[in-house]
C-alpha atoms as a PDB file:
ATOM      1  CA  MET A   1       5.299  16.152  -4.390  1.00  0.00           C
ATOM      2  CA  ARG A   2       6.592  16.805  -0.954  1.00  0.00           C
ATOM      3  CA  GLY A   3       9.513  14.373  -0.754  1.00  0.00           C
ATOM      4  CA  ASP A   4      13.068  14.533  -1.991  1.00  0.00           C
ATOM      5  CA  PRO A   5      13.718  13.611  -5.648  1.00  0.00           C
ATOM      6  CA  PHE A   6      14.428   9.932  -4.900  1.00  0.00           C
ATOM      7  CA  HIS A   7      11.227   9.617  -2.840  1.00  0.00           C
ATOM      8  CA  ASN A   8       9.244  11.334  -5.598  1.00  0.00           C
ATOM      9  CA  PHE A   9      10.747   9.028  -8.230  1.00  0.00           C
ATOM     10  CA  MET A  10       9.653   6.002  -6.194  1.00  0.00           C
ATOM     11  CA  VAL A  11       6.160   7.452  -5.682  1.00  0.00           C
ATOM     12  CA  GLU A  12       5.814   7.887  -9.447  1.00  0.00           C
ATOM     13  CA  ASP A  13       6.931   4.292  -9.983  1.00  0.00           C
ATOM     14  CA  VAL A  14       4.480   2.974  -7.360  1.00  0.00           C
ATOM     15  CA  GLN A  15       1.649   4.994  -8.925  1.00  0.00           C
ATOM     16  CA  GLU A  16       2.527   3.701 -12.384  1.00  0.00           C
ATOM     17  CA  THR A  17       2.607   0.105 -11.168  1.00  0.00           C
ATOM     18  CA  ALA A  18      -0.653   0.483  -9.222  1.00  0.00           C
ATOM     19  CA  SER A  19      -2.361   1.951 -12.287  1.00  0.00           C
ATOM     20  CA  LYS A  20      -1.739  -1.358 -14.086  1.00  0.00           C
ATOM     21  CA  PHE A  21      -4.008  -3.054 -11.548  1.00  0.00           C
ATOM     22  CA  PHE A  22      -6.470  -0.385 -10.408  1.00  0.00           C
ATOM     23  CA  ILE A  23      -8.824   1.872 -12.336  1.00  0.00           C
ATOM     24  CA  PHE A  24      -7.911   4.716  -9.968  1.00  0.00           C
ATOM     25  CA  ALA A  25      -4.340   5.238  -8.697  1.00  0.00           C
ATOM     26  CA  CYS A  26      -3.447   8.734  -7.524  1.00  0.00           C
ATOM     27  CA  PRO A  27      -0.308  10.149  -5.881  1.00  0.00           C
ATOM     28  CA  GLU A  28      -0.468  12.613  -2.970  1.00  0.00           C
ATOM     29  CA  TYR A  29      -4.074  11.654  -2.312  1.00  0.00           C
ATOM     30  CA  ARG A  30      -6.156  13.340   0.370  1.00  0.00           C
ATOM     31  CA  PHE A  31      -8.094  10.548   2.126  1.00  0.00           C
ATOM     32  CA  SER A  32     -10.820  11.169   4.694  1.00  0.00           C
ATOM     33  CA  LYS A  33     -12.653   8.582   6.742  1.00  0.00           C
ATOM     34  CA  ASN A  34     -13.884   8.232  10.313  1.00  0.00           C
ATOM     35  CA  GLY A  35     -13.598  12.019  10.761  1.00  0.00           C
ATOM     36  CA  VAL A  36      -9.846  11.878  10.034  1.00  0.00           C
ATOM     37  CA  THR A  37      -8.055  13.275   6.990  1.00  0.00           C
ATOM     38  CA  ASN A  38      -4.632  12.079   5.862  1.00  0.00           C
ATOM     39  CA  TYR A  39      -2.463  12.397   2.785  1.00  0.00           C
ATOM     40  CA  LEU A  40      -1.180   9.197   1.215  1.00  0.00           C
ATOM     41  CA  ASP A  41       1.792   8.867  -1.127  1.00  0.00           C
ATOM     42  CA  VAL A  42      -0.385   6.767  -3.453  1.00  0.00           C
ATOM     43  CA  PHE A  43      -3.995   5.696  -3.108  1.00  0.00           C
ATOM     44  CA  ALA A  44      -5.497   3.022  -5.356  1.00  0.00           C
ATOM     45  CA  ARG A  45      -9.082   1.830  -5.702  1.00  0.00           C
ATOM     46  CA  GLN A  46     -11.003  -0.586  -7.853  1.00  0.00           C
ATOM     47  CA  GLY A  47     -14.539  -1.416  -6.816  1.00  0.00           C
ATOM     48  CA  LEU A  48     -14.514  -2.255  -3.126  1.00  0.00           C
ATOM     49  CA  ILE A  49     -10.749  -2.774  -2.982  1.00  0.00           C
ATOM     50  CA  SER A  50      -8.651   0.149  -1.734  1.00  0.00           C
ATOM     51  CA  LEU A  51      -4.967   0.296  -0.834  1.00  0.00           C
ATOM     52  CA  ALA A  52      -2.694   2.965   0.582  1.00  0.00           C
ATOM     53  CA  PHE A  53       0.945   2.983  -0.459  1.00  0.00           C
ATOM     54  CA  GLU A  54       3.604   4.861   1.463  1.00  0.00           C
ATOM     55  CA  VAL A  55       7.124   5.155   0.117  1.00  0.00           C
ATOM     56  CA  GLU A  56       9.776   5.163   2.826  1.00  0.00           C
ATOM     57  CA  THR A  57      13.390   6.018   2.067  1.00  0.00           C
ATOM     58  CA  THR A  58      14.238   6.055   5.801  1.00  0.00           C
ATOM     59  CA  SER A  59      12.536   4.455   8.793  1.00  0.00           C
ATOM     60  CA  ARG A  60      11.797   7.845  10.343  1.00  0.00           C
ATOM     61  CA  HIS A  61       8.088   8.065   9.418  1.00  0.00           C
ATOM     62  CA  ALA A  62       7.158   4.389   9.152  1.00  0.00           C
ATOM     63  CA  ILE A  63       5.299   4.173  12.472  1.00  0.00           C
ATOM     64  CA  ASP A  64       3.534   7.496  11.887  1.00  0.00           C
ATOM     65  CA  ASN A  65       2.395   6.378   8.430  1.00  0.00           C
ATOM     66  CA  ALA A  66       1.211   3.030   9.794  1.00  0.00           C
ATOM     67  CA  ARG A  67      -0.842   4.784  12.474  1.00  0.00           C
ATOM     68  CA  LYS A  68      -2.143   7.207   9.844  1.00  0.00           C
ATOM     69  CA  ALA A  69      -3.455   4.302   7.742  1.00  0.00           C
ATOM     70  CA  LEU A  70      -4.901   2.684  10.868  1.00  0.00           C
ATOM     71  CA  SER A  71      -6.776   5.876  11.755  1.00  0.00           C
ATOM     72  CA  VAL A  72      -8.568   5.911   8.391  1.00  0.00           C
ATOM     73  CA  GLY A  73      -8.982   2.138   8.204  1.00  0.00           C
ATOM     74  CA  ILE A  74      -7.222   1.426   4.929  1.00  0.00           C
ATOM     75  CA  PRO A  75      -4.780  -1.417   4.196  1.00  0.00           C
ATOM     76  CA  LEU A  76      -1.201  -0.156   3.951  1.00  0.00           C
ATOM     77  CA  TRP A  77       1.697  -1.277   1.812  1.00  0.00           C
ATOM     78  CA  ILE A  78       5.051   0.329   2.507  1.00  0.00           C
ATOM     79  CA  VAL A  79       7.481   0.387  -0.414  1.00  0.00           C
ATOM     80  CA  VAL A  80      11.188   0.716   0.314  1.00  0.00           C
ATOM     81  CA  PRO A  81      14.360   0.864  -1.808  1.00  0.00           C
ATOM     82  CA  THR A  82      16.598  -1.591   0.115  1.00  0.00           C
ATOM     83  CA  ARG A  83      16.438  -4.895   1.976  1.00  0.00           C
ATOM     84  CA  ARG A  84      18.166  -3.284   4.927  1.00  0.00           C
ATOM     85  CA  LEU A  85      15.437  -0.654   5.248  1.00  0.00           C
ATOM     86  CA  LYS A  86      12.773  -3.313   4.787  1.00  0.00           C
ATOM     87  CA  SER A  87      14.247  -5.243   7.739  1.00  0.00           C
ATOM     88  CA  GLU A  88      14.567  -2.114   9.870  1.00  0.00           C
ATOM     89  CA  ILE A  89      10.956  -1.062   9.314  1.00  0.00           C
ATOM     90  CA  THR A  90       9.728  -4.623   9.848  1.00  0.00           C
ATOM     91  CA  ARG A  91      11.518  -4.705  13.226  1.00  0.00           C
ATOM     92  CA  LYS A  92       9.892  -1.406  14.236  1.00  0.00           C
ATOM     93  CA  LEU A  93       6.367  -2.299  13.149  1.00  0.00           C
ATOM     94  CA  LYS A  94       6.123  -5.990  14.030  1.00  0.00           C
ATOM     95  CA  PRO A  95       5.737  -5.536  17.812  1.00  0.00           C
ATOM     96  CA  LEU A  96       2.918  -3.007  17.276  1.00  0.00           C
ATOM     97  CA  ARG A  97       0.772  -5.588  15.428  1.00  0.00           C
ATOM     98  CA  LEU A  98      -1.086  -2.862  13.564  1.00  0.00           C
ATOM     99  CA  LYS A  99      -3.657  -3.984  10.997  1.00  0.00           C
ATOM    100  CA  PRO A 100      -4.917  -0.969   9.071  1.00  0.00           C
ATOM    101  CA  GLY A 101      -8.112  -1.885   7.260  1.00  0.00           C
ATOM    102  CA  GLY A 102      -8.002  -5.234   9.075  1.00  0.00           C
ATOM    103  CA  GLU A 103      -4.936  -6.397   7.127  1.00  0.00           C
ATOM    104  CA  PRO A 104      -1.299  -6.767   8.127  1.00  0.00           C
ATOM    105  CA  ILE A 105       1.017  -4.103   6.766  1.00  0.00           C
ATOM    106  CA  LYS A 106       3.067  -5.278   3.785  1.00  0.00           C
ATOM    107  CA  ILE A 107       6.624  -3.985   3.478  1.00  0.00           C
ATOM    108  CA  LEU A 108       7.988  -4.469  -0.018  1.00  0.00           C
ATOM    109  CA  LEU A 109      10.914  -3.636  -2.197  1.00  0.00           C
ATOM    110  CA  LEU A 110       9.910  -1.643  -5.249  1.00  0.00           C
ATOM    111  CA  GLY A 111      10.752  -4.610  -7.469  1.00  0.00           C
ATOM    112  CA  GLN A 112       8.334  -6.835  -5.521  1.00  0.00           C
ATOM    113  CA  LEU A 113       5.306  -4.587  -5.903  1.00  0.00           C
ATOM    114  CA  GLU A 114       3.938  -5.839  -9.217  1.00  0.00           C
ATOM    115  CA  GLN A 115       4.060  -9.526  -8.234  1.00  0.00           C
ATOM    116  CA  GLU A 116       2.556  -8.812  -4.802  1.00  0.00           C
ATOM    117  CA  LEU A 117      -0.311  -6.884  -6.407  1.00  0.00           C
ATOM    118  CA  THR A 118      -0.905  -9.802  -8.779  1.00  0.00           C
ATOM    119  CA  ASN A 119      -1.009 -12.232  -5.850  1.00  0.00           C
ATOM    120  CA  TYR A 120      -3.156  -9.971  -3.667  1.00  0.00           C
ATOM    121  CA  LEU A 121      -5.740  -9.139  -6.290  1.00  0.00           C
ATOM    122  CA  SER A 122      -6.032 -12.774  -7.394  1.00  0.00           C
ATOM    123  CA  LEU A 123      -7.606 -13.435  -3.997  1.00  0.00           C
ATOM    124  CA  PHE A 124     -10.540 -11.251  -5.012  1.00  0.00           C
ATOM    125  CA  ILE A 125     -11.168 -12.822  -8.424  1.00  0.00           C
ATOM    126  CA  PRO A 126     -13.885 -15.464  -8.231  1.00  0.00           C
ATOM    127  CA  ALA A 127     -12.698 -18.913  -9.175  1.00  0.00           C
ATOM    128  CA  ASN A 128     -13.735 -20.077 -12.600  1.00  0.00           C
ATOM    129  CA  THR A 129     -16.616 -22.457 -12.400  1.00  0.00           C
ATOM    130  CA  GLN A 130     -17.991 -24.690 -15.068  1.00  0.00           C
ATOM    131  CA  ASN A 131     -21.679 -24.682 -15.841  1.00  0.00           C
ATOM    132  CA  ARG A 132     -22.977 -28.066 -14.859  1.00  0.00           C
ATOM    133  CA  LYS A 133     -26.204 -29.587 -15.958  1.00  0.00           C
ATOM    134  CA  GLU A 134     -27.830 -31.544 -13.236  1.00  0.00           C
END
């Protein structure tokens, strides 16, 4: 991987967590769409649901990565190690109102990822219905 050891450790953790929810979860994924090619820290797909995950250990590349996801039209979740960085990136991105893949960008602490994936994917599971005889 291209990042420093801490970044790479987080990418591995994000990939491992995503693989609990998606059939396909791959780090350092080359993604092409709309004539644009980008590399994502982690890409996950199951059926029609796709997500891009970018790990940020500083705020330096947050806007670039958000625009990158926007250019290929894929929802983006940014995973960060600290609340302070989460707040900093939120302040930078909020005024831009970017919605890659038509969804707002999520900025999460690593420890929040599994619960957020559970919540997010539950939106796509059809509600249980009882068979009724009429």
